[in-house]
């Protein structure tokens, strides 16, 4: 798969709520920088898996609606809107945030990520 196809497959998967799927996409040396509305976070491989486990306890479904995706070499930029369905109300899809991420792909895995988000 091309880097763009890897990133697309990642965002279309259930990786956000399933640590086993997340492991399939993350490089073991992954570092993820996230500038959110609440501040800056940096996460490594194990911290991302722990975050995925925490997310799975609140949401039954997450969905990324990609509007832009650009590949240049092993780098992929993606802009998407993030939607969720909560455990309390699994029938209602809620808009969570606008997201923009840049991923570096190494060994066909997500290696270095930079993300910025704005809560809906």
PDB file of N, CA and C in Angstrom:
ATOM      1  N   UNK A   1       0.843  -1.189   0.000  1.00  0.00           N
ATOM      2  CA  UNK A   1       0.000   0.000   0.000  1.00  0.00           C
ATOM      3  C   UNK A   1       0.886   1.249   0.000  1.00  0.00           C
ATOM      4  N   UNK A   2       0.385   2.292  -0.630  1.00  0.00           N
ATOM      5  CA  UNK A   2       1.077   3.581  -0.619  1.00  0.00           C
ATOM      6  C   UNK A   2       0.858   4.240   0.747  1.00  0.00           C
ATOM      7  N   UNK A   3       1.707   5.224   1.111  1.00  0.00           N
ATOM      8  CA  UNK A   3       1.469   5.944   2.368  1.00  0.00           C
ATOM      9  C   UNK A   3       0.050   6.519   2.468  1.00  0.00           C
ATOM     10  N   UNK A   4      -0.458   7.072   1.372  1.00  0.00           N
ATOM     11  CA  UNK A   4      -1.809   7.630   1.369  1.00  0.00           C
ATOM     12  C   UNK A   4      -2.846   6.539   1.650  1.00  0.00           C
ATOM     13  N   UNK A   5      -2.683   5.379   1.050  1.00  0.00           N
ATOM     14  CA  UNK A   5      -3.622   4.271   1.275  1.00  0.00           C
ATOM     15  C   UNK A   5      -3.562   3.785   2.714  1.00  0.00           C
ATOM     16  N   UNK A   6      -2.371   3.785   3.314  1.00  0.00           N
ATOM     17  CA  UNK A   6      -2.217   3.366   4.718  1.00  0.00           C
ATOM     18  C   UNK A   6      -2.988   4.321   5.630  1.00  0.00           C
ATOM     19  N   UNK A   7      -2.807   5.620   5.416  1.00  0.00           N
ATOM     20  CA  UNK A   7      -3.488   6.625   6.251  1.00  0.00           C
ATOM     21  C   UNK A   7      -5.001   6.550   6.058  1.00  0.00           C
ATOM     22  N   UNK A   8      -5.439   6.412   4.815  1.00  0.00           N
ATOM     23  CA  UNK A   8      -6.880   6.286   4.551  1.00  0.00           C
ATOM     24  C   UNK A   8      -7.452   5.062   5.262  1.00  0.00           C
ATOM     25  N   UNK A   9      -6.774   3.934   5.150  1.00  0.00           N
ATOM     26  CA  UNK A   9      -7.245   2.698   5.790  1.00  0.00           C
ATOM     27  C   UNK A   9      -7.293   2.866   7.311  1.00  0.00           C
ATOM     28  N   UNK A  10      -6.298   3.536   7.872  1.00  0.00           N
ATOM     29  CA  UNK A  10      -6.265   3.788   9.313  1.00  0.00           C
ATOM     30  C   UNK A  10      -7.511   4.555   9.763  1.00  0.00           C
ATOM     31  N   UNK A  11      -7.823   5.647   9.087  1.00  0.00           N
ATOM     32  CA  UNK A  11      -8.958   6.465   9.499  1.00  0.00           C
ATOM     33  C   UNK A  11     -10.306   5.814   9.195  1.00  0.00           C
ATOM     34  N   UNK A  12     -10.346   4.863   8.285  1.00  0.00           N
ATOM     35  CA  UNK A  12     -11.591   4.151   7.998  1.00  0.00           C
ATOM     36  C   UNK A  12     -11.773   2.943   8.922  1.00  0.00           C
ATOM     37  N   UNK A  13     -10.740   2.569   9.649  1.00  0.00           N
ATOM     38  CA  UNK A  13     -10.803   1.402  10.534  1.00  0.00           C
ATOM     39  C   UNK A  13     -11.387   1.779  11.895  1.00  0.00           C
ATOM     40  N   UNK A  14     -11.475   0.789  12.772  1.00  0.00           N
ATOM     41  CA  UNK A  14     -11.907   1.016  14.151  1.00  0.00           C
ATOM     42  C   UNK A  14     -10.716   1.151  15.098  1.00  0.00           C
ATOM     43  N   UNK A  15      -9.578   1.597  14.583  1.00  0.00           N
ATOM     44  CA  UNK A  15      -8.357   1.690  15.390  1.00  0.00           C
ATOM     45  C   UNK A  15      -8.522   2.583  16.619  1.00  0.00           C
ATOM     46  N   UNK A  16      -9.300   3.650  16.506  1.00  0.00           N
ATOM     47  CA  UNK A  16      -9.487   4.566  17.640  1.00  0.00           C
ATOM     48  C   UNK A  16     -10.126   3.880  18.852  1.00  0.00           C
ATOM     49  N   UNK A  17     -10.926   2.834  18.601  1.00  0.00           N
ATOM     50  CA  UNK A  17     -11.623   2.171  19.715  1.00  0.00           C
ATOM     51  C   UNK A  17     -11.215   0.715  19.888  1.00  0.00           C
ATOM     52  N   UNK A  18     -10.185   0.280  19.171  1.00  0.00           N
ATOM     53  CA  UNK A  18      -9.746  -1.112  19.267  1.00  0.00           C
ATOM     54  C   UNK A  18      -8.219  -1.162  19.289  1.00  0.00           C
ATOM     55  N   UNK A  19      -7.620  -1.364  20.478  1.00  0.00           N
ATOM     56  CA  UNK A  19      -6.155  -1.383  20.583  1.00  0.00           C
ATOM     57  C   UNK A  19      -5.489  -2.430  19.679  1.00  0.00           C
ATOM     58  N   UNK A  20      -6.145  -3.549  19.437  1.00  0.00           N
ATOM     59  CA  UNK A  20      -5.549  -4.582  18.570  1.00  0.00           C
ATOM     60  C   UNK A  20      -5.447  -4.086  17.131  1.00  0.00           C
ATOM     61  N   UNK A  21      -6.458  -3.372  16.670  1.00  0.00           N
ATOM     62  CA  UNK A  21      -6.387  -2.789  15.323  1.00  0.00           C
ATOM     63  C   UNK A  21      -5.361  -1.666  15.310  1.00  0.00           C
ATOM     64  N   UNK A  22      -5.328  -0.853  16.360  1.00  0.00           N
ATOM     65  CA  UNK A  22      -4.363   0.240  16.438  1.00  0.00           C
ATOM     66  C   UNK A  22      -2.932  -0.302  16.306  1.00  0.00           C
ATOM     67  N   UNK A  23      -2.647  -1.426  16.938  1.00  0.00           N
ATOM     68  CA  UNK A  23      -1.304  -2.036  16.868  1.00  0.00           C
ATOM     69  C   UNK A  23      -0.900  -2.352  15.430  1.00  0.00           C
ATOM     70  N   UNK A  24      -1.877  -2.695  14.596  1.00  0.00           N
ATOM     71  CA  UNK A  24      -1.584  -3.022  13.201  1.00  0.00           C
ATOM     72  C   UNK A  24      -1.072  -1.812  12.430  1.00  0.00           C
ATOM     73  N   UNK A  25      -1.465  -0.617  12.826  1.00  0.00           N
ATOM     74  CA  UNK A  25      -1.116   0.605  12.100  1.00  0.00           C
ATOM     75  C   UNK A  25       0.086   1.349  12.677  1.00  0.00           C
ATOM     76  N   UNK A  26       0.344   1.210  13.978  1.00  0.00           N
ATOM     77  CA  UNK A  26       1.397   2.000  14.616  1.00  0.00           C
ATOM     78  C   UNK A  26       2.768   1.343  14.506  1.00  0.00           C
ATOM     79  N   UNK A  27       3.758   2.136  14.181  1.00  0.00           N
ATOM     80  CA  UNK A  27       5.153   1.710  14.242  1.00  0.00           C
ATOM     81  C   UNK A  27       5.518   1.622  15.724  1.00  0.00           C
ATOM     82  N   UNK A  28       6.316   0.632  16.138  1.00  0.00           N
ATOM     83  CA  UNK A  28       6.659   0.498  17.565  1.00  0.00           C
ATOM     84  C   UNK A  28       7.369   1.722  18.154  1.00  0.00           C
ATOM     85  N   UNK A  29       7.973   2.550  17.302  1.00  0.00           N
ATOM     86  CA  UNK A  29       8.664   3.753  17.772  1.00  0.00           C
ATOM     87  C   UNK A  29       7.842   5.015  17.496  1.00  0.00           C
ATOM     88  N   UNK A  30       6.547   4.862  17.342  1.00  0.00           N
ATOM     89  CA  UNK A  30       5.656   5.981  16.993  1.00  0.00           C
ATOM     90  C   UNK A  30       5.678   7.060  18.077  1.00  0.00           C
ATOM     91  N   UNK A  31       5.700   8.296  17.620  1.00  0.00           N
ATOM     92  CA  UNK A  31       5.525   9.474  18.472  1.00  0.00           C
ATOM     93  C   UNK A  31       4.440  10.322  17.818  1.00  0.00           C
ATOM     94  N   UNK A  32       3.509  10.802  18.627  1.00  0.00           N
ATOM     95  CA  UNK A  32       2.366  11.563  18.135  1.00  0.00           C
ATOM     96  C   UNK A  32       2.248  12.864  18.922  1.00  0.00           C
ATOM     97  N   UNK A  33       2.382  14.003  18.243  1.00  0.00           N
ATOM     98  CA  UNK A  33       2.213  15.322  18.851  1.00  0.00           C
ATOM     99  C   UNK A  33       0.829  15.833  18.502  1.00  0.00           C
ATOM    100  N   UNK A  34       0.091  16.291  19.509  1.00  0.00           N
ATOM    101  CA  UNK A  34      -1.282  16.734  19.293  1.00  0.00           C
ATOM    102  C   UNK A  34      -1.493  18.082  19.978  1.00  0.00           C
ATOM    103  N   UNK A  35      -1.805  19.091  19.181  1.00  0.00           N
ATOM    104  CA  UNK A  35      -2.209  20.400  19.688  1.00  0.00           C
ATOM    105  C   UNK A  35      -3.729  20.446  19.633  1.00  0.00           C
ATOM    106  N   UNK A  36      -4.347  20.395  20.807  1.00  0.00           N
ATOM    107  CA  UNK A  36      -5.808  20.380  20.872  1.00  0.00           C
ATOM    108  C   UNK A  36      -6.305  21.674  21.495  1.00  0.00           C
ATOM    109  N   UNK A  37      -7.598  21.811  21.532  1.00  0.00           N
ATOM    110  CA  UNK A  37      -8.215  22.971  22.174  1.00  0.00           C
ATOM    111  C   UNK A  37      -7.851  23.034  23.656  1.00  0.00           C
ATOM    112  N   UNK A  38      -7.454  21.906  24.212  1.00  0.00           N
ATOM    113  CA  UNK A  38      -7.130  21.842  25.638  1.00  0.00           C
ATOM    114  C   UNK A  38      -5.635  21.899  25.916  1.00  0.00           C
ATOM    115  N   UNK A  39      -4.808  22.016  24.862  1.00  0.00           N
ATOM    116  CA  UNK A  39      -3.370  22.106  25.077  1.00  0.00           C
ATOM    117  C   UNK A  39      -2.598  21.081  24.253  1.00  0.00           C
ATOM    118  N   UNK A  40      -1.311  20.956  24.559  1.00  0.00           N
ATOM    119  CA  UNK A  40      -0.407  20.085  23.817  1.00  0.00           C
ATOM    120  C   UNK A  40      -0.252  18.737  24.521  1.00  0.00           C
ATOM    121  N   UNK A  41      -0.313  17.681  23.733  1.00  0.00           N
ATOM    122  CA  UNK A  41      -0.056  16.322  24.222  1.00  0.00           C
ATOM    123  C   UNK A  41       0.983  15.672  23.327  1.00  0.00           C
ATOM    124  N   UNK A  42       1.877  14.896  23.909  1.00  0.00           N
ATOM    125  CA  UNK A  42       2.762  14.052  23.120  1.00  0.00           C
ATOM    126  C   UNK A  42       2.604  12.633  23.642  1.00  0.00           C
ATOM    127  N   UNK A  43       2.391  11.700  22.741  1.00  0.00           N
ATOM    128  CA  UNK A  43       2.150  10.305  23.100  1.00  0.00           C
ATOM    129  C   UNK A  43       3.091   9.389  22.326  1.00  0.00           C
ATOM    130  N   UNK A  44       3.565   8.347  23.012  1.00  0.00           N
ATOM    131  CA  UNK A  44       4.356   7.312  22.345  1.00  0.00           C
ATOM    132  C   UNK A  44       3.453   6.106  22.075  1.00  0.00           C
ATOM    133  N   UNK A  45       4.031   5.060  21.561  1.00  0.00           N
ATOM    134  CA  UNK A  45       3.286   3.853  21.171  1.00  0.00           C
ATOM    135  C   UNK A  45       2.373   3.350  22.294  1.00  0.00           C
ATOM    136  N   UNK A  46       2.938   3.086  23.458  1.00  0.00           N
ATOM    137  CA  UNK A  46       2.128   2.509  24.546  1.00  0.00           C
ATOM    138  C   UNK A  46       1.084   3.497  25.064  1.00  0.00           C
ATOM    139  N   UNK A  47       1.414   4.779  25.080  1.00  0.00           N
ATOM    140  CA  UNK A  47       0.444   5.784  25.528  1.00  0.00           C
ATOM    141  C   UNK A  47      -0.720   5.913  24.545  1.00  0.00           C
ATOM    142  N   UNK A  48      -0.431   5.756  23.254  1.00  0.00           N
ATOM    143  CA  UNK A  48      -1.507   5.788  22.250  1.00  0.00           C
ATOM    144  C   UNK A  48      -2.427   4.579  22.444  1.00  0.00           C
ATOM    145  N   UNK A  49      -1.849   3.415  22.699  1.00  0.00           N
ATOM    146  CA  UNK A  49      -2.670   2.220  22.939  1.00  0.00           C
ATOM    147  C   UNK A  49      -3.532   2.389  24.187  1.00  0.00           C
ATOM    148  N   UNK A  50      -2.972   2.981  25.235  1.00  0.00           N
ATOM    149  CA  UNK A  50      -3.755   3.242  26.457  1.00  0.00           C
ATOM    150  C   UNK A  50      -4.882   4.230  26.176  1.00  0.00           C
ATOM    151  N   UNK A  51      -4.595   5.260  25.370  1.00  0.00           N
ATOM    152  CA  UNK A  51      -5.616   6.229  25.011  1.00  0.00           C
ATOM    153  C   UNK A  51      -6.739   5.552  24.215  1.00  0.00           C
ATOM    154  N   UNK A  52      -6.362   4.641  23.329  1.00  0.00           N
ATOM    155  CA  UNK A  52      -7.341   3.893  22.544  1.00  0.00           C
ATOM    156  C   UNK A  52      -8.254   3.076  23.464  1.00  0.00           C
ATOM    157  N   UNK A  53      -7.661   2.444  24.459  1.00  0.00           N
ATOM    158  CA  UNK A  53      -8.457   1.677  25.421  1.00  0.00           C
ATOM    159  C   UNK A  53      -9.447   2.609  26.146  1.00  0.00           C
ATOM    160  N   UNK A  54      -8.978   3.783  26.584  1.00  0.00           N
ATOM    161  CA  UNK A  54      -9.859   4.738  27.265  1.00  0.00           C
ATOM    162  C   UNK A  54     -10.998   5.200  26.356  1.00  0.00           C
ATOM    163  N   UNK A  55     -10.683   5.481  25.095  1.00  0.00           N
ATOM    164  CA  UNK A  55     -11.695   5.915  24.134  1.00  0.00           C
ATOM    165  C   UNK A  55     -12.744   4.817  23.941  1.00  0.00           C
ATOM    166  N   UNK A  56     -12.300   3.567  23.907  1.00  0.00           N
ATOM    167  CA  UNK A  56     -13.227   2.445  23.683  1.00  0.00           C
ATOM    168  C   UNK A  56     -14.229   2.298  24.820  1.00  0.00           C
ATOM    169  N   UNK A  57     -13.916   2.842  25.980  1.00  0.00           N
ATOM    170  CA  UNK A  57     -14.845   2.761  27.109  1.00  0.00           C
ATOM    171  C   UNK A  57     -15.936   3.829  27.029  1.00  0.00           C
ATOM    172  N   UNK A  58     -15.753   4.849  26.177  1.00  0.00           N
ATOM    173  CA  UNK A  58     -16.735   5.927  26.054  1.00  0.00           C
ATOM    174  C   UNK A  58     -17.527   5.857  24.749  1.00  0.00           C
ATOM    175  N   UNK A  59     -16.904   5.327  23.692  1.00  0.00           N
ATOM    176  CA  UNK A  59     -17.529   5.356  22.370  1.00  0.00           C
ATOM    177  C   UNK A  59     -17.673   3.951  21.790  1.00  0.00           C
ATOM    178  N   UNK A  60     -18.786   3.725  21.105  1.00  0.00           N
ATOM    179  CA  UNK A  60     -18.999   2.458  20.416  1.00  0.00           C
ATOM    180  C   UNK A  60     -18.592   2.550  18.952  1.00  0.00           C
ATOM    181  N   UNK A  61     -18.436   3.789  18.479  1.00  0.00           N
ATOM    182  CA  UNK A  61     -18.079   3.992  17.069  1.00  0.00           C
ATOM    183  C   UNK A  61     -17.404   5.347  16.923  1.00  0.00           C
ATOM    184  N   UNK A  62     -16.388   5.393  16.091  1.00  0.00           N
ATOM    185  CA  UNK A  62     -15.793   6.668  15.687  1.00  0.00           C
ATOM    186  C   UNK A  62     -15.713   6.661  14.169  1.00  0.00           C
ATOM    187  N   UNK A  63     -15.845   7.835  13.597  1.00  0.00           N
ATOM    188  CA  UNK A  63     -15.803   7.930  12.143  1.00  0.00           C
ATOM    189  C   UNK A  63     -15.061   9.201  11.752  1.00  0.00           C
ATOM    190  N   UNK A  64     -14.146   9.058  10.810  1.00  0.00           N
ATOM    191  CA  UNK A  64     -13.444  10.208  10.250  1.00  0.00           C
ATOM    192  C   UNK A  64     -13.980  10.438   8.843  1.00  0.00           C
ATOM    193  N   UNK A  65     -14.517  11.613   8.628  1.00  0.00           N
ATOM    194  CA  UNK A  65     -14.972  11.983   7.282  1.00  0.00           C
ATOM    195  C   UNK A  65     -13.891  12.853   6.666  1.00  0.00           C
ATOM    196  N   UNK A  66     -13.097  12.233   5.814  1.00  0.00           N
ATOM    197  CA  UNK A  66     -11.944  12.895   5.204  1.00  0.00           C
ATOM    198  C   UNK A  66     -12.407  13.832   4.092  1.00  0.00           C
ATOM    199  N   UNK A  67     -11.920  15.076   4.143  1.00  0.00           N
ATOM    200  CA  UNK A  67     -12.230  16.031   3.084  1.00  0.00           C
ATOM    201  C   UNK A  67     -11.007  16.293   2.194  1.00  0.00           C
ATOM    202  N   UNK A  68      -9.812  16.158   2.764  1.00  0.00           N
ATOM    203  CA  UNK A  68      -8.582  16.389   2.007  1.00  0.00           C
ATOM    204  C   UNK A  68      -7.537  15.365   2.442  1.00  0.00           C
ATOM    205  N   UNK A  69      -6.793  14.843   1.470  1.00  0.00           N
ATOM    206  CA  UNK A  69      -5.680  13.953   1.786  1.00  0.00           C
ATOM    207  C   UNK A  69      -4.638  14.112   0.686  1.00  0.00           C
ATOM    208  N   UNK A  70      -3.404  14.416   1.099  1.00  0.00           N
ATOM    209  CA  UNK A  70      -2.328  14.704   0.162  1.00  0.00           C
ATOM    210  C   UNK A  70      -1.095  13.897   0.567  1.00  0.00           C
ATOM    211  N   UNK A  71      -0.488  13.264  -0.422  1.00  0.00           N
ATOM    212  CA  UNK A  71       0.711  12.454  -0.188  1.00  0.00           C
ATOM    213  C   UNK A  71       1.899  13.109  -0.882  1.00  0.00           C
ATOM    214  N   UNK A  72       3.012  13.160  -0.175  1.00  0.00           N
ATOM    215  CA  UNK A  72       4.279  13.592  -0.764  1.00  0.00           C
ATOM    216  C   UNK A  72       5.379  12.715  -0.185  1.00  0.00           C
ATOM    217  N   UNK A  73       5.882  11.813  -1.010  1.00  0.00           N
ATOM    218  CA  UNK A  73       6.868  10.850  -0.524  1.00  0.00           C
ATOM    219  C   UNK A  73       6.252   9.974   0.556  1.00  0.00           C
ATOM    220  N   UNK A  74       6.907   9.926   1.717  1.00  0.00           N
ATOM    221  CA  UNK A  74       6.398   9.107   2.814  1.00  0.00           C
ATOM    222  C   UNK A  74       5.586   9.926   3.824  1.00  0.00           C
ATOM    223  N   UNK A  75       5.200  11.155   3.427  1.00  0.00           N
ATOM    224  CA  UNK A  75       4.406  12.030   4.290  1.00  0.00           C
ATOM    225  C   UNK A  75       2.994  12.163   3.727  1.00  0.00           C
ATOM    226  N   UNK A  76       2.003  12.140   4.636  1.00  0.00           N
ATOM    227  CA  UNK A  76       0.605  12.268   4.231  1.00  0.00           C
ATOM    228  C   UNK A  76      -0.064  13.297   5.141  1.00  0.00           C
ATOM    229  N   UNK A  77      -0.730  14.275   4.515  1.00  0.00           N
ATOM    230  CA  UNK A  77      -1.533  15.265   5.247  1.00  0.00           C
ATOM    231  C   UNK A  77      -2.999  14.908   5.044  1.00  0.00           C
ATOM    232  N   UNK A  78      -3.760  14.976   6.122  1.00  0.00           N
ATOM    233  CA  UNK A  78      -5.176  14.618   6.047  1.00  0.00           C
ATOM    234  C   UNK A  78      -5.999  15.585   6.890  1.00  0.00           C
ATOM    235  N   UNK A  79      -7.094  16.060   6.310  1.00  0.00           N
ATOM    236  CA  UNK A  79      -8.043  16.901   7.030  1.00  0.00           C
ATOM    237  C   UNK A  79      -9.353  16.143   7.102  1.00  0.00           C
ATOM    238  N   UNK A  80      -9.928  16.085   8.303  1.00  0.00           N
ATOM    239  CA  UNK A  80     -11.164  15.332   8.464  1.00  0.00           C
ATOM    240  C   UNK A  80     -11.988  15.879   9.606  1.00  0.00           C
ATOM    241  N   UNK A  81     -13.271  15.545   9.584  1.00  0.00           N
ATOM    242  CA  UNK A  81     -14.165  15.812  10.696  1.00  0.00           C
ATOM    243  C   UNK A  81     -14.368  14.501  11.433  1.00  0.00           C
ATOM    244  N   UNK A  82     -14.296  14.569  12.747  1.00  0.00           N
ATOM    245  CA  UNK A  82     -14.372  13.367  13.578  1.00  0.00           C
ATOM    246  C   UNK A  82     -15.749  13.282  14.237  1.00  0.00           C
ATOM    247  N   UNK A  83     -16.410  12.146  14.030  1.00  0.00           N
ATOM    248  CA  UNK A  83     -17.731  11.881  14.596  1.00  0.00           C
ATOM    249  C   UNK A  83     -17.654  10.673  15.524  1.00  0.00           C
ATOM    250  N   UNK A  84     -18.517  10.634  16.526  1.00  0.00           N
ATOM    251  CA  UNK A  84     -18.541   9.527  17.478  1.00  0.00           C
ATOM    252  C   UNK A  84     -19.974   9.121  17.801  1.00  0.00           C
ATOM    253  N   UNK A  85     -20.111   7.896  18.285  1.00  0.00           N
ATOM    254  CA  UNK A  85     -21.356   7.421  18.886  1.00  0.00           C
ATOM    255  C   UNK A  85     -20.991   6.963  20.292  1.00  0.00           C
ATOM    256  N   UNK A  86     -21.682   7.502  21.281  1.00  0.00           N
ATOM    257  CA  UNK A  86     -21.366   7.186  22.674  1.00  0.00           C
ATOM    258  C   UNK A  86     -22.028   5.888  23.117  1.00  0.00           C
ATOM    259  N   UNK A  87     -21.497   5.331  24.175  1.00  0.00           N
ATOM    260  CA  UNK A  87     -22.087   4.124  24.764  1.00  0.00           C
ATOM    261  C   UNK A  87     -23.486   4.440  25.289  1.00  0.00           C
ATOM    262  N   UNK A  88     -23.657   5.643  25.840  1.00  0.00           N
ATOM    263  CA  UNK A  88     -24.953   6.039  26.397  1.00  0.00           C
ATOM    264  C   UNK A  88     -26.015   6.213  25.315  1.00  0.00           C
ATOM    265  N   UNK A  89     -25.605   6.637  24.124  1.00  0.00           N
ATOM    266  CA  UNK A  89     -26.564   6.900  23.057  1.00  0.00           C
ATOM    267  C   UNK A  89     -25.982   6.415  21.718  1.00  0.00           C
ATOM    268  N   UNK A  90     -25.931   5.096  21.513  1.00  0.00           N
ATOM    269  CA  UNK A  90     -25.253   4.542  20.332  1.00  0.00           C
ATOM    270  C   UNK A  90     -25.955   4.801  18.998  1.00  0.00           C
ATOM    271  N   UNK A  91     -27.176   5.281  19.038  1.00  0.00           N
ATOM    272  CA  UNK A  91     -27.892   5.544  17.781  1.00  0.00           C
ATOM    273  C   UNK A  91     -27.653   6.944  17.236  1.00  0.00           C
ATOM    274  N   UNK A  92     -27.146   7.829  18.081  1.00  0.00           N
ATOM    275  CA  UNK A  92     -26.929   9.217  17.658  1.00  0.00           C
ATOM    276  C   UNK A  92     -25.455   9.469  17.362  1.00  0.00           C
ATOM    277  N   UNK A  93     -25.195   9.929  16.145  1.00  0.00           N
ATOM    278  CA  UNK A  93     -23.838  10.288  15.772  1.00  0.00           C
ATOM    279  C   UNK A  93     -23.609  11.754  16.135  1.00  0.00           C
ATOM    280  N   UNK A  94     -22.536  12.006  16.873  1.00  0.00           N
ATOM    281  CA  UNK A  94     -22.232  13.367  17.317  1.00  0.00           C
ATOM    282  C   UNK A  94     -20.952  13.859  16.653  1.00  0.00           C
ATOM    283  N   UNK A  95     -20.972  15.099  16.216  1.00  0.00           N
ATOM    284  CA  UNK A  95     -19.781  15.736  15.657  1.00  0.00           C
ATOM    285  C   UNK A  95     -18.864  16.103  16.814  1.00  0.00           C
ATOM    286  N   UNK A  96     -17.629  15.621  16.778  1.00  0.00           N
ATOM    287  CA  UNK A  96     -16.700  15.836  17.880  1.00  0.00           C
ATOM    288  C   UNK A  96     -15.717  16.977  17.605  1.00  0.00           C
ATOM    289  N   UNK A  97     -15.047  16.949  16.436  1.00  0.00           N
ATOM    290  CA  UNK A  97     -14.003  17.953  16.201  1.00  0.00           C
ATOM    291  C   UNK A  97     -13.577  18.007  14.739  1.00  0.00           C
ATOM    292  N   UNK A  98     -12.993  19.156  14.385  1.00  0.00           N
ATOM    293  CA  UNK A  98     -12.285  19.309  13.117  1.00  0.00           C
ATOM    294  C   UNK A  98     -10.841  18.897  13.383  1.00  0.00           C
ATOM    295  N   UNK A  99     -10.246  18.136  12.489  1.00  0.00           N
ATOM    296  CA  UNK A  99      -8.889  17.626  12.703  1.00  0.00           C
ATOM    297  C   UNK A  99      -8.035  17.833  11.453  1.00  0.00           C
ATOM    298  N   UNK A 100      -6.757  18.044  11.680  1.00  0.00           N
ATOM    299  CA  UNK A 100      -5.763  18.103  10.613  1.00  0.00           C
ATOM    300  C   UNK A 100      -4.541  17.364  11.120  1.00  0.00           C
ATOM    301  N   UNK A 101      -4.059  16.396  10.341  1.00  0.00           N
ATOM    302  CA  UNK A 101      -2.911  15.599  10.771  1.00  0.00           C
ATOM    303  C   UNK A 101      -1.916  15.434   9.627  1.00  0.00           C
ATOM    304  N   UNK A 102      -0.665  15.324  10.019  1.00  0.00           N
ATOM    305  CA  UNK A 102       0.410  14.984   9.091  1.00  0.00           C
ATOM    306  C   UNK A 102       1.073  13.731   9.650  1.00  0.00           C
ATOM    307  N   UNK A 103       1.183  12.715   8.809  1.00  0.00           N
ATOM    308  CA  UNK A 103       1.789  11.453   9.225  1.00  0.00           C
ATOM    309  C   UNK A 103       3.017  11.135   8.384  1.00  0.00           C
ATOM    310  N   UNK A 104       4.074  10.723   9.046  1.00  0.00           N
ATOM    311  CA  UNK A 104       5.238  10.158   8.373  1.00  0.00           C
ATOM    312  C   UNK A 104       5.093   8.644   8.454  1.00  0.00           C
ATOM    313  N   UNK A 105       5.245   7.990   7.316  1.00  0.00           N
ATOM    314  CA  UNK A 105       5.111   6.530   7.251  1.00  0.00           C
ATOM    315  C   UNK A 105       6.501   5.906   7.192  1.00  0.00           C
ATOM    316  N   UNK A 106       6.721   4.905   8.021  1.00  0.00           N
ATOM    317  CA  UNK A 106       7.999   4.173   8.043  1.00  0.00           C
ATOM    318  C   UNK A 106       7.677   2.694   8.185  1.00  0.00           C
ATOM    319  N   UNK A 107       8.255   1.871   7.334  1.00  0.00           N
ATOM    320  CA  UNK A 107       8.005   0.422   7.357  1.00  0.00           C
ATOM    321  C   UNK A 107       6.505   0.122   7.226  1.00  0.00           C
ATOM    322  N   UNK A 108       5.801   0.919   6.412  1.00  0.00           N
ATOM    323  CA  UNK A 108       4.360   0.769   6.176  1.00  0.00           C
ATOM    324  C   UNK A 108       3.511   0.938   7.437  1.00  0.00           C
ATOM    325  N   UNK A 109       3.998   1.742   8.374  1.00  0.00           N
ATOM    326  CA  UNK A 109       3.280   2.009   9.627  1.00  0.00           C
ATOM    327  C   UNK A 109       3.309   3.511   9.916  1.00  0.00           C
ATOM    328  N   UNK A 110       2.384   3.962  10.766  1.00  0.00           N
ATOM    329  CA  UNK A 110       2.354   5.350  11.219  1.00  0.00           C
ATOM    330  C   UNK A 110       3.506   5.545  12.195  1.00  0.00           C
ATOM    331  N   UNK A 111       4.462   6.376  11.795  1.00  0.00           N
ATOM    332  CA  UNK A 111       5.701   6.520  12.566  1.00  0.00           C
ATOM    333  C   UNK A 111       5.752   7.821  13.362  1.00  0.00           C
ATOM    334  N   UNK A 112       5.495   8.938  12.694  1.00  0.00           N
ATOM    335  CA  UNK A 112       5.558  10.243  13.349  1.00  0.00           C
ATOM    336  C   UNK A 112       4.323  11.026  12.958  1.00  0.00           C
ATOM    337  N   UNK A 113       3.534  11.457  13.958  1.00  0.00           N
ATOM    338  CA  UNK A 113       2.298  12.158  13.681  1.00  0.00           C
ATOM    339  C   UNK A 113       2.248  13.519  14.329  1.00  0.00           C
ATOM    340  N   UNK A 114       1.638  14.456  13.626  1.00  0.00           N
ATOM    341  CA  UNK A 114       1.425  15.814  14.110  1.00  0.00           C
ATOM    342  C   UNK A 114      -0.040  16.143  13.845  1.00  0.00           C
ATOM    343  N   UNK A 115      -0.754  16.516  14.882  1.00  0.00           N
ATOM    344  CA  UNK A 115      -2.184  16.761  14.724  1.00  0.00           C
ATOM    345  C   UNK A 115      -2.596  18.043  15.436  1.00  0.00           C
ATOM    346  N   UNK A 116      -3.567  18.709  14.836  1.00  0.00           N
ATOM    347  CA  UNK A 116      -4.184  19.867  15.459  1.00  0.00           C
ATOM    348  C   UNK A 116      -5.696  19.660  15.367  1.00  0.00           C
ATOM    349  N   UNK A 117      -6.411  20.048  16.430  1.00  0.00           N
ATOM    350  CA  UNK A 117      -7.858  19.838  16.431  1.00  0.00           C
ATOM    351  C   UNK A 117      -8.574  21.018  17.044  1.00  0.00           C
ATOM    352  N   UNK A 118      -9.822  21.144  16.659  1.00  0.00           N
ATOM    353  CA  UNK A 118     -10.699  22.163  17.248  1.00  0.00           C
ATOM    354  C   UNK A 118     -12.027  21.479  17.555  1.00  0.00           C
ATOM    355  N   UNK A 119     -12.430  21.542  18.799  1.00  0.00           N
ATOM    356  CA  UNK A 119     -13.668  20.921  19.239  1.00  0.00           C
ATOM    357  C   UNK A 119     -14.853  21.578  18.530  1.00  0.00           C
ATOM    358  N   UNK A 120     -15.839  20.751  18.201  1.00  0.00           N
ATOM    359  CA  UNK A 120     -17.037  21.236  17.490  1.00  0.00           C
ATOM    360  C   UNK A 120     -17.822  22.212  18.334  1.00  0.00           C
TER     361      UNK A 120
END
